[in-house]
Every structure is written in structure tokens, then in C-alpha cells.
Amino acid sequence: MGIACGRTIKRVIRSMQTLSKQMGASIASASADKAEAKAIYRLLANPKVTPSVLLQTHRKATMAHIKKREESVILVVQDTTTLNYTAHKKTEGLGDFGASPHHQGLLLHSAIAVTTDGIPLGLLDQFVWTRPVEERGKRTAKRQRPIEAKESYKWLKSMDNSCKNQPKGVRYVHVGDREADIYEFFQHALEKEQDFLVRVVQNRRTTEACKLVDAVKQTPPAGKICVEIPRDTRRNLPKRQATLAIRFKHVHMTAPMNGLKTPKQKATIAVSILHVREETPLSKSKPIEWYLITNRAVTTLEEAIEKVSWYIHRWKIERFHYILKSGCKIEEKQNRTAERLEKQLHVYSIIAVRILGMTYLARQQPTASCAPFLTEEEWQVLYRISNKTSTLPSVPPSIKEAVDSLAKMGGFLGRKADGDPGVKVLWRGFNRFYTVLEYYQHLLP
């Protein structure tokens, strides 16, 4: 289903602009007046404005970014996060999640297109679902279900959705954490002529005498790689440099013995397995250790280093979730139904991925224009404030200039030791900037 008319599209865009101004605020607080808040609530209640329609509009922009890049490989990073709405007792349609049967909320699965040098381009897929309370504790029964009836089918579904209208000459590499270590996922990728790069959790059988993990551990180290490990907010670990020893081996892993067998199931799948382990871990911390599998060629140290660097970009989706929860405060948003909450979630996801893209584009391509992210009025007002001048340049500033200016408004000091601004100071800067922008709009003729 498409949006009925251009007027509704404009309403969606205006609503996103309004909510962008105060990401952490409620709809009522972010709106200029009651009429604007009422218009946004009407939009969320409009049955023609479905979650798929909201995503479709953004997805077209993501596809345009991919085509414009003219790169041969794009990473499609998938991940799931839980959204806790236990305190929202009056919201209808929420489902079960978490350790307690009293917890209620939504589950969100997203797929973000990321360049191989780490620039997020936008969402390719996103969907929300709920777990029925009656399914709690039925893990054994779930094993005998077909993959289509399992929650883990989300990985295959998102792969299919992400690949729609895939540009010719562009290979997608679907990147996932240990939750994506699913035999059917690997098989599905091969059937769809897709590539995958997944962290292993299961020590699967192979056609050799030893299992998957044991096979690669027996090989001598091929070399080392020095990588930047992003800050881990959950374990309160700082961003740091780590030296990893790399091993790799080509093997044929075999289908699992347990679970439901299907006629289409492949007996073996050819993969390269990589083992990376940190040589000098932080004090009192476990060393970083990953086992990664891919159907991409890994025959040299350079190819192995390439795959490890790709996997590190999986953290971009963790930062996306961080912006969504801490910046947009999505778990504090309220609505009457889970369906309307889902629409709200998609709108804020587009806002969050915009901030994510700006942050990393400024680091990787600092001279790129800020025009794709800021309107003409926005960059002009930002330039005047930052440079304390009424004289404007003939072209928009670079993305780095814009991000630095916004970050400083969010409290970033910009000292040499501070490094590049992160997503937190950027969303704070946006909130303050839009307050200033409103004053400009009222004062200027």
C-alpha cells in the first residue's frame, strides 16, 4: 500500500522535522502548539500511513545513497533490540519479553546499510513484533518447528526485504552477531546469492575429523591486526586500540543433526572460519575473542583482515540503538496502541540513523557537503551562529564543519585530546540548535 497523496507525505516530513527538534521530548512538548501535536497524533492514527509506508519512503533515500556511492560491497548489518514498555499499562497490544512474565514491550529488528569503511547510509529494513505470553517456556517444542515458524526467521526475512531492488554490481554482505548463527540463514543466503559474515556461537560439525572451532584453532597464526574497539557502554569500557592475532581456515560445515529436516537442506556448506584473539587485554578483562564465518573468499592475511574490519562495523547498529533509546528516549514515548507506537518508532528510527550517518561521515569523509543532512535554512543559521557573522559562503559547509558546530552546541569542547565528537553530543547539539533556530525564524523577516 502506498501513501494516498502528496499532502500526507508532506505531513510525514513535517512531523519528522518537528520531532527532530526535541528528540527526547513527548509529542506534545516537541510541538509548537496544540494544533501541531494534534496533527501528528492524527498522522499516527491514519490507517493509510502504515509502518511499511514510513519505511518505504526512507528506504528509497537509502537506495539512492547506495547507488551514488558506486561501491562493489555494502554491509547490511542486522540486529534486534527489546523495547521496555512495562510502565505503560494502558497501551494495548504489547507483548511478553524479558525474564519476568510481568514485563511487556516490543521487539525491533533492523537492517542498516553501511559502507565497508564504516559510513551508515540508512535503513534497508525494519520491523516490529510481539511475543505472545503463552509462548513463554516452550523452547523444546520450538526446535521441531520449521524455520518460518520460529522467531529466528527474522534474519532470513530481513535479508529478503533488504535485497529488494539491490543495485546491479553491488554485493551485499549480511553481518550478524552470534544470534545469527543459524544453519538455515547460511543456506538461505546461498540460495539468494547473498554473502554473510556472522560471529559463531556453535561449534558445528565439519567434514573433517574435528569441529569448526577446533579446526581453526589448530592452524598457526597468519598475522596480526591492530583495530579500534568502540566504547562499550553496557560494560563501561572505553574506546581503545587492540592487537588481535588472526587465524583462518576453509572448511565444509555439515547440517545439524537435531531439529527439523527439510528436503531443501544442504548437507554441507563451504565457509571460511576466522579466529581473532586479543594479545594484550585490559586489566581484569577477558580478551576479545571472535570466531567468524563467511562464504566470502579468505585465502590471504589481507582478505582475513578485511573481513575482521567489516565485522567491527557491526557496532554501528549498537550506536543506532543507543541513539534511539538514550537520545530519542523511545521507551518513554506513550500511545494508546502498540500499532501507533510502532509508527512512532519508525519515525524516530529515521531520525536516529540520520544522526548516526552524520557522525561517521564527518570522520571518514570530512570534506563532504552537509547539504544532504541539513536544509538550506539550517546550515545557514548554523554557520552564522558558529562563525558569528552575517556573511554566508556560496556553498554549504563541509559535513565536518557542521558536525563540529552542532557538537560544540551540545557541550563538545573540541580539544586535541577529545578526538571526534560522538553521537551523544551531536543529538544534544541538535536539540539546542533547533531552539535557537526557532528564535531566528521569529526574529528574521
Protein backbone atom coordinates (compact mmCIF):
# COMPACT_ATOMS: atom_id res chain seq x y z
CA MET A 1 0.00 0.00 0.00
CA GLY A 2 1.30 3.49 -0.82
CA ILE A 3 0.56 6.81 0.81
CA ALA A 4 -2.63 8.18 -0.67
CA CYS A 5 -1.41 11.63 -1.64
CA GLY A 6 1.50 14.05 -1.64
CA ARG A 7 -0.16 16.05 1.13
CA THR A 8 0.24 13.10 3.51
CA ILE A 9 3.90 12.71 2.50
CA LYS A 10 4.47 16.37 3.38
CA ARG A 11 2.74 15.80 6.73
CA VAL A 12 5.11 12.89 7.45
CA ILE A 13 8.14 15.06 6.62
CA ARG A 14 6.86 17.96 8.76
CA SER A 15 6.22 15.59 11.65
CA MET A 16 9.77 14.23 11.43
CA GLN A 17 11.15 17.78 11.39
CA THR A 18 9.09 18.64 14.47
CA LEU A 19 10.15 15.54 16.42
CA SER A 20 13.80 16.05 15.39
CA LYS A 21 13.86 19.38 17.20
CA GLN A 22 13.44 17.78 20.63
CA MET A 23 14.18 14.10 20.20
CA GLY A 24 13.78 13.15 23.84
CA ALA A 25 10.56 15.09 24.37
CA SER A 26 6.98 13.89 24.09
CA ILE A 27 4.96 14.79 21.00
CA ALA A 28 3.11 17.48 22.97
CA SER A 29 6.38 19.03 24.23
CA ALA A 30 8.13 18.87 20.84
CA SER A 31 5.20 20.51 19.02
CA ALA A 32 4.92 24.28 18.70
CA ASP A 33 1.25 24.26 19.73
CA LYS A 34 -1.75 22.01 20.32
CA ALA A 35 -2.69 22.08 16.64
CA GLU A 36 0.68 20.70 15.56
CA ALA A 37 0.60 17.99 18.24
CA LYS A 38 -2.92 17.04 17.18
CA ALA A 39 -1.81 16.79 13.54
CA ILE A 40 1.00 14.38 14.49
CA TYR A 41 -1.37 12.22 16.54
CA ARG A 42 -3.80 12.16 13.59
CA LEU A 43 -0.96 11.02 11.33
CA LEU A 44 -0.11 8.14 13.67
CA ALA A 45 -3.79 7.15 13.78
CA ASN A 46 -4.17 7.30 9.97
CA PRO A 47 -4.63 3.68 8.73
CA LYS A 48 -3.13 4.63 5.34
CA VAL A 49 0.16 5.62 6.99
CA THR A 50 1.40 2.11 7.76
CA PRO A 51 4.84 1.26 9.19
CA SER A 52 5.83 -0.19 5.81
CA VAL A 53 4.92 3.08 4.09
CA LEU A 54 7.05 5.09 6.52
CA LEU A 55 10.00 2.76 5.92
CA GLN A 56 9.48 2.68 2.15
CA THR A 57 9.87 6.46 1.90
CA HIS A 58 13.17 6.35 3.81
CA ARG A 59 14.38 3.20 2.04
CA LYS A 60 14.25 4.97 -1.33
CA ALA A 61 16.69 7.54 0.03
CA THR A 62 18.95 4.76 1.35
CA MET A 63 18.96 3.06 -2.07
CA ALA A 64 19.85 6.39 -3.71
CA HIS A 65 22.83 6.73 -1.32
CA ILE A 66 23.99 3.19 -2.20
CA LYS A 67 23.82 3.85 -5.94
CA LYS A 68 25.58 7.19 -5.58
CA ARG A 69 28.48 5.57 -3.71
CA GLU A 70 29.23 3.22 -6.65
CA GLU A 71 30.87 0.68 -4.32
CA SER A 72 31.13 -3.02 -5.08
CA VAL A 73 30.34 -4.16 -1.50
CA ILE A 74 27.80 -2.84 1.01
CA LEU A 75 27.46 -4.28 4.52
CA VAL A 76 23.90 -5.00 5.65
CA VAL A 77 24.15 -5.02 9.44
CA GLN A 78 21.24 -6.71 11.21
CA ASP A 79 20.37 -6.76 14.91
CA THR A 80 17.47 -6.99 17.35
CA THR A 81 16.74 -4.90 20.41
CA THR A 82 13.99 -5.04 23.04
CA LEU A 83 11.90 -2.01 23.95
CA ASN A 84 10.57 -1.96 27.50
CA TYR A 85 7.09 -0.50 27.92
CA THR A 86 6.22 -2.26 31.19
CA ALA A 87 5.28 1.06 32.79
CA HIS A 88 2.78 1.79 30.00
CA LYS A 89 -0.12 -0.15 31.48
CA LYS A 90 -2.76 1.46 29.25
CA THR A 91 -1.06 0.73 25.92
CA GLU A 92 -2.93 -2.02 24.08
CA GLY A 93 -1.22 -4.74 22.04
CA LEU A 94 2.14 -5.00 23.82
CA GLY A 95 3.74 -8.43 24.18
CA ASP A 96 5.89 -10.51 26.50
CA PHE A 97 9.65 -10.10 26.84
CA GLY A 98 12.35 -10.35 29.45
CA ALA A 99 12.81 -12.57 32.47
CA SER A 100 9.53 -11.72 34.15
CA PRO A 101 6.06 -12.53 32.80
CA HIS A 102 5.02 -9.08 34.04
CA HIS A 103 7.34 -7.33 31.56
CA GLN A 104 5.73 -6.06 28.38
CA GLY A 105 7.09 -4.33 25.33
CA LEU A 106 8.06 -4.64 21.67
CA LEU A 107 10.92 -6.25 19.77
CA LEU A 108 12.62 -4.33 16.98
CA HIS A 109 14.77 -5.84 14.21
CA SER A 110 16.65 -3.50 11.89
CA ALA A 111 18.99 -3.76 8.91
CA ILE A 112 21.27 -0.80 8.22
CA ALA A 113 23.32 -0.30 5.05
CA VAL A 114 26.94 0.53 5.96
CA THR A 115 29.91 1.14 3.65
CA THR A 116 33.00 -1.02 4.11
CA ASP A 117 34.78 1.99 5.63
CA GLY A 118 32.03 2.40 8.21
CA ILE A 119 29.61 5.08 6.97
CA PRO A 120 25.94 4.27 7.75
CA LEU A 121 23.78 5.08 4.71
CA GLY A 122 20.32 4.37 6.11
CA LEU A 123 17.80 1.66 6.91
CA LEU A 124 17.11 -1.11 4.41
CA ASP A 125 14.62 -2.95 6.57
CA GLN A 126 12.92 -2.72 9.94
CA PHE A 127 10.00 -4.47 11.58
CA VAL A 128 8.40 -4.81 15.00
CA TRP A 129 6.68 -7.77 16.62
CA THR A 130 5.48 -9.03 19.98
CA ARG A 131 5.82 -12.36 21.77
CA PRO A 132 2.59 -13.98 22.97
CA VAL A 133 2.67 -14.63 26.72
CA GLU A 134 1.50 -18.23 26.15
CA GLU A 135 4.73 -19.00 24.23
CA ARG A 136 6.89 -18.48 27.32
CA GLY A 137 8.88 -21.61 28.26
CA LYS A 138 8.21 -23.64 25.09
CA ARG A 139 11.81 -23.76 23.85
CA THR A 140 11.89 -27.56 23.34
CA ALA A 141 8.74 -27.53 21.20
CA LYS A 142 10.14 -24.67 19.10
CA ARG A 143 13.08 -26.81 17.97
CA GLN A 144 10.76 -29.06 15.96
CA ARG A 145 9.12 -26.16 14.13
CA PRO A 146 10.10 -25.12 10.60
CA ILE A 147 12.35 -22.06 10.49
CA GLU A 148 9.44 -19.97 9.13
CA ALA A 149 7.56 -20.54 12.40
CA LYS A 150 10.48 -19.54 14.63
CA GLU A 151 11.41 -16.07 15.84
CA SER A 152 14.88 -16.58 14.32
CA TYR A 153 13.24 -16.41 10.88
CA LYS A 154 13.62 -12.63 11.31
CA TRP A 155 17.19 -12.94 9.97
CA LEU A 156 16.03 -14.59 6.74
CA LYS A 157 13.06 -12.25 6.40
CA SER A 158 15.22 -9.17 6.82
CA MET A 159 17.71 -10.50 4.27
CA ASP A 160 14.91 -10.88 1.72
CA ASN A 161 13.49 -7.43 2.45
CA SER A 162 16.92 -5.78 2.30
CA CYS A 163 17.71 -7.33 -1.08
CA LYS A 164 14.69 -5.90 -2.87
CA ASN A 165 15.87 -3.76 -5.81
CA GLN A 166 19.51 -4.49 -4.96
CA PRO A 167 21.62 -2.42 -7.40
CA LYS A 168 23.41 -4.35 -10.12
CA GLY A 169 27.10 -4.81 -9.50
CA VAL A 170 26.73 -4.35 -5.72
CA ARG A 171 27.27 -7.31 -3.39
CA TYR A 172 25.53 -7.26 -0.03
CA VAL A 173 27.32 -8.86 2.93
CA HIS A 174 24.83 -9.61 5.70
CA VAL A 175 26.55 -9.07 9.06
CA GLY A 176 25.19 -10.52 12.29
CA ASP A 177 26.22 -11.35 15.84
CA ARG A 178 26.02 -14.78 17.49
CA GLU A 179 22.22 -14.76 17.33
CA ALA A 180 22.52 -15.06 13.53
CA ASP A 181 24.48 -18.33 13.77
CA ILE A 182 21.65 -20.28 12.13
CA TYR A 183 22.26 -23.00 9.53
CA GLU A 184 19.09 -22.06 7.63
CA PHE A 185 20.31 -18.44 7.46
CA PHE A 186 23.54 -19.50 5.77
CA GLN A 187 21.71 -21.80 3.39
CA HIS A 188 19.18 -19.08 2.57
CA ALA A 189 21.99 -16.65 1.76
CA LEU A 190 23.48 -19.09 -0.76
CA GLU A 191 20.06 -19.71 -2.35
CA LYS A 192 19.56 -15.94 -2.73
CA GLU A 193 23.16 -15.45 -3.97
CA GLN A 194 23.97 -13.32 -0.94
CA ASP A 195 27.08 -13.16 1.24
CA PHE A 196 27.25 -13.40 5.02
CA LEU A 197 29.66 -12.62 7.85
CA VAL A 198 28.49 -13.94 11.21
CA ARG A 199 30.01 -14.46 14.64
CA VAL A 200 29.88 -18.13 15.62
CA VAL A 201 28.32 -19.42 18.82
CA GLN A 202 28.02 -23.12 17.88
CA ASN A 203 30.98 -25.42 17.37
CA ARG A 204 29.43 -27.15 14.37
CA ARG A 205 30.49 -30.43 12.81
CA THR A 206 32.56 -30.38 9.62
CA THR A 207 33.51 -32.96 7.00
CA GLU A 208 36.92 -33.13 8.69
CA ALA A 209 37.84 -35.08 11.80
CA CYS A 210 37.39 -32.04 14.06
CA LYS A 211 34.66 -29.46 14.57
CA LEU A 212 34.51 -25.91 13.23
CA VAL A 213 36.17 -24.02 16.09
CA ASP A 214 38.73 -26.74 16.75
CA ALA A 215 39.76 -26.80 13.08
CA VAL A 216 40.76 -23.13 13.01
CA LYS A 217 42.40 -23.20 16.47
CA GLN A 218 44.81 -25.86 15.22
CA THR A 219 46.14 -23.61 12.45
CA PRO A 220 49.14 -21.35 13.13
CA PRO A 221 48.52 -17.57 13.38
CA ALA A 222 48.57 -15.92 9.95
CA GLY A 223 49.39 -12.47 11.32
CA LYS A 224 48.13 -9.61 13.45
CA ILE A 225 45.78 -6.68 13.08
CA CYS A 226 45.52 -3.50 15.14
CA VAL A 227 41.90 -2.36 15.39
CA GLU A 228 39.92 0.31 17.19
CA ILE A 229 37.39 -1.24 19.56
CA PRO A 230 34.39 1.08 20.08
CA ARG A 231 33.33 2.13 23.56
CA ASP A 232 31.18 -0.47 25.29
CA THR A 233 28.50 1.47 27.18
CA ARG A 234 26.94 -1.66 28.69
CA ARG A 235 30.18 -2.78 30.37
CA ASN A 236 31.52 0.77 30.82
CA LEU A 237 34.67 0.08 28.77
CA PRO A 238 36.39 2.96 26.93
CA LYS A 239 37.22 3.08 23.24
CA ARG A 240 40.67 1.60 22.70
CA GLN A 241 43.21 0.10 20.32
CA ALA A 242 43.59 -3.68 20.38
CA THR A 243 46.08 -6.00 18.70
CA LEU A 244 44.45 -9.22 17.51
CA ALA A 245 46.13 -12.41 16.32
CA ILE A 246 44.35 -13.90 13.27
CA ARG A 247 43.89 -17.49 12.13
CA PHE A 248 41.71 -18.68 9.27
CA LYS A 249 40.79 -21.92 7.55
CA HIS A 250 38.47 -23.10 4.76
CA VAL A 251 36.09 -25.90 5.83
CA HIS A 252 32.80 -27.57 4.93
CA MET A 253 30.37 -27.47 7.86
CA THR A 254 27.62 -30.06 7.96
CA ALA A 255 23.91 -29.70 8.69
CA PRO A 256 22.85 -30.02 12.35
CA MET A 257 21.77 -33.48 13.47
CA ASN A 258 18.96 -32.16 15.68
CA GLY A 259 15.99 -30.11 14.60
CA LEU A 260 13.53 -30.41 11.74
CA LYS A 261 14.96 -31.78 8.48
CA THR A 262 13.74 -30.40 5.15
CA PRO A 263 14.20 -31.67 1.57
CA LYS A 264 15.94 -28.39 0.62
CA GLN A 265 18.51 -28.63 3.42
CA LYS A 266 22.09 -28.69 2.18
CA ALA A 267 24.25 -31.49 3.58
CA THR A 268 27.30 -29.21 3.74
CA ILE A 269 28.10 -25.51 3.33
CA ALA A 270 31.58 -24.28 2.37
CA VAL A 271 32.78 -21.46 4.62
CA SER A 272 35.92 -19.75 5.81
CA ILE A 273 36.24 -19.55 9.57
CA LEU A 274 38.35 -16.83 11.18
CA HIS A 275 39.63 -16.78 14.75
CA VAL A 276 40.79 -13.48 16.26
CA ARG A 277 42.06 -13.12 19.81
CA GLU A 278 43.36 -10.09 21.68
CA GLU A 279 47.01 -10.39 22.72
CA THR A 280 47.12 -7.76 25.49
CA PRO A 281 43.64 -7.38 27.03
CA LEU A 282 42.64 -4.72 29.54
CA SER A 283 43.45 -5.42 33.17
CA LYS A 284 40.84 -7.70 34.79
CA SER A 285 39.04 -8.07 31.45
CA LYS A 286 38.61 -11.08 29.22
CA PRO A 287 40.48 -10.81 25.92
CA ILE A 288 38.44 -10.12 22.80
CA GLU A 289 37.92 -13.42 21.03
CA TRP A 290 35.74 -13.95 17.98
CA TYR A 291 35.03 -16.84 15.67
CA LEU A 292 33.63 -15.53 12.41
CA ILE A 293 32.33 -17.44 9.40
CA THR A 294 31.77 -16.17 5.88
CA ASN A 295 31.16 -17.51 2.41
CA ARG A 296 33.43 -14.76 1.02
CA ALA A 297 36.92 -15.80 -0.04
CA VAL A 298 39.54 -15.78 2.72
CA THR A 299 42.79 -17.14 1.30
CA THR A 300 45.27 -14.45 2.38
CA LEU A 301 46.02 -12.41 5.50
CA GLU A 302 44.80 -9.28 3.69
CA GLU A 303 41.42 -10.90 2.98
CA ALA A 304 41.17 -12.04 6.61
CA ILE A 305 41.95 -8.54 7.91
CA GLU A 306 39.31 -7.15 5.56
CA LYS A 307 36.60 -9.42 7.00
CA VAL A 308 37.54 -8.58 10.60
CA SER A 309 37.38 -4.84 9.82
CA TRP A 310 33.96 -5.36 8.27
CA TYR A 311 32.68 -7.17 11.34
CA ILE A 312 33.79 -4.32 13.60
CA HIS A 313 31.30 -2.08 11.77
CA ARG A 314 28.54 -4.18 13.34
CA TRP A 315 28.88 -1.81 16.31
CA LYS A 316 27.24 0.90 14.23
CA ILE A 317 23.86 -0.72 14.85
CA GLU A 318 24.58 -0.76 18.59
CA ARG A 319 25.12 3.01 18.38
CA PHE A 320 21.86 3.28 16.44
CA HIS A 321 20.03 1.56 19.31
CA TYR A 322 21.82 3.86 21.76
CA ILE A 323 20.59 6.98 19.94
CA LEU A 324 17.09 5.55 19.70
CA LYS A 325 16.86 4.74 23.42
CA SER A 326 19.01 7.40 25.09
CA GLY A 327 18.73 10.28 22.60
CA CYS A 328 15.20 9.84 21.24
CA LYS A 329 14.08 8.20 24.52
CA ILE A 330 11.85 5.89 22.53
CA GLU A 331 10.95 3.79 25.59
CA GLU A 332 9.41 6.87 27.22
CA LYS A 333 7.06 7.58 24.30
CA GLN A 334 3.41 6.90 25.01
CA ASN A 335 0.49 5.99 22.81
CA ARG A 336 -2.82 4.20 23.07
CA THR A 337 -1.89 1.18 20.98
CA ALA A 338 1.23 -0.76 20.07
CA GLU A 339 0.43 -0.14 16.40
CA ARG A 340 0.67 3.64 16.80
CA LEU A 341 3.76 3.21 18.96
CA GLU A 342 5.31 1.20 16.12
CA LYS A 343 4.73 4.06 13.66
CA GLN A 344 6.29 6.47 16.13
CA LEU A 345 9.22 4.09 16.45
CA HIS A 346 9.84 4.08 12.68
CA VAL A 347 9.82 7.88 12.56
CA TYR A 348 12.36 8.14 15.38
CA SER A 349 14.48 5.40 13.77
CA ILE A 350 14.86 7.56 10.67
CA ILE A 351 15.90 10.49 12.88
CA ALA A 352 18.40 8.27 14.75
CA VAL A 353 20.01 6.86 11.61
CA ARG A 354 20.40 10.42 10.28
CA ILE A 355 22.47 11.38 13.33
CA LEU A 356 24.45 8.15 13.04
CA GLY A 357 25.22 8.85 9.38
CA MET A 358 26.33 12.42 10.04
CA THR A 359 28.64 11.35 12.87
CA TYR A 360 30.59 8.80 10.85
CA LEU A 361 30.56 10.63 7.51
CA ALA A 362 32.28 13.55 9.26
CA ARG A 363 35.04 11.16 10.37
CA GLN A 364 35.52 9.25 7.13
CA GLN A 365 34.83 11.97 4.54
CA PRO A 366 35.19 15.30 6.37
CA THR A 367 35.14 17.41 3.19
CA ALA A 368 31.76 16.06 2.00
CA SER A 369 28.91 18.57 1.90
CA CYS A 370 26.45 18.85 4.79
CA ALA A 371 23.62 19.57 2.29
CA PRO A 372 22.18 16.00 2.29
CA PHE A 373 21.57 16.29 6.05
CA LEU A 374 20.67 19.96 6.65
CA THR A 375 18.21 22.22 4.87
CA GLU A 376 19.44 25.49 3.39
CA GLU A 377 17.95 27.45 6.27
CA GLU A 378 19.50 25.08 8.85
CA TRP A 379 23.08 25.24 7.56
CA GLN A 380 22.89 29.00 7.02
CA VAL A 381 21.72 29.69 10.58
CA LEU A 382 24.24 27.18 11.95
CA TYR A 383 27.05 28.89 10.00
CA ARG A 384 26.05 32.34 11.29
CA ILE A 385 25.96 31.14 14.90
CA SER A 386 29.23 29.19 14.72
CA ASN A 387 31.22 31.88 12.92
CA LYS A 388 29.46 34.89 14.48
CA THR A 389 28.94 36.50 11.10
CA SER A 390 26.11 37.53 8.82
CA THR A 391 28.16 36.75 5.69
CA LEU A 392 27.35 33.36 4.19
CA PRO A 393 29.55 31.17 1.97
CA SER A 394 28.45 30.47 -1.62
CA VAL A 395 28.27 26.72 -0.94
CA PRO A 396 27.16 24.73 2.13
CA PRO A 397 29.88 23.97 4.72
CA SER A 398 31.51 20.55 4.93
CA ILE A 399 29.91 17.81 6.99
CA LYS A 400 32.79 18.03 9.49
CA GLU A 401 32.25 21.78 9.98
CA ALA A 402 28.54 21.21 10.55
CA VAL A 403 29.03 18.27 12.94
CA ASP A 404 31.71 20.12 14.94
CA SER A 405 29.46 23.18 15.22
CA LEU A 406 26.48 21.13 16.38
CA ALA A 407 28.63 19.10 18.79
CA LYS A 408 30.01 22.26 20.40
CA MET A 409 26.44 23.40 20.99
CA GLY A 410 25.97 20.05 22.73
CA GLY A 411 28.93 20.60 25.07
CA PHE A 412 31.82 19.25 22.98
CA LEU A 413 35.00 21.21 23.79
CA GLY A 414 36.95 20.25 20.68
CA ARG A 415 40.34 19.86 22.39
CA LYS A 416 43.02 17.77 20.67
CA ALA A 417 42.70 15.04 23.29
CA ASP A 418 38.91 14.88 22.84
CA GLY A 419 39.04 13.21 19.44
CA ASP A 420 35.98 13.29 17.19
CA PRO A 421 32.56 14.21 18.59
CA GLY A 422 30.23 11.29 19.25
CA VAL A 423 26.53 10.73 18.78
CA LYS A 424 25.63 11.91 22.30
CA VAL A 425 26.97 15.46 21.97
CA LEU A 426 25.57 15.61 18.44
CA TRP A 427 21.97 14.91 19.49
CA ARG A 428 22.37 17.35 22.40
CA GLY A 429 23.64 19.93 19.93
CA PHE A 430 20.70 19.33 17.61
CA ASN A 431 18.24 19.90 20.46
CA ARG A 432 19.85 23.21 21.39
CA PHE A 433 20.30 24.28 17.77
CA TYR A 434 16.63 23.84 16.93
CA THR A 435 15.69 26.00 19.90
CA VAL A 436 17.96 28.75 18.54
CA LEU A 437 16.62 28.19 15.03
CA GLU A 438 13.07 28.88 16.20
CA TYR A 439 14.18 32.25 17.60
CA TYR A 440 15.80 33.09 14.26
CA GLN A 441 12.61 32.17 12.41
CA HIS A 442 10.58 34.53 14.62
CA LEU A 443 13.09 37.39 14.53
CA LEU A 444 14.02 37.37 10.84
CA PRO A 445 11.52 38.78 8.31
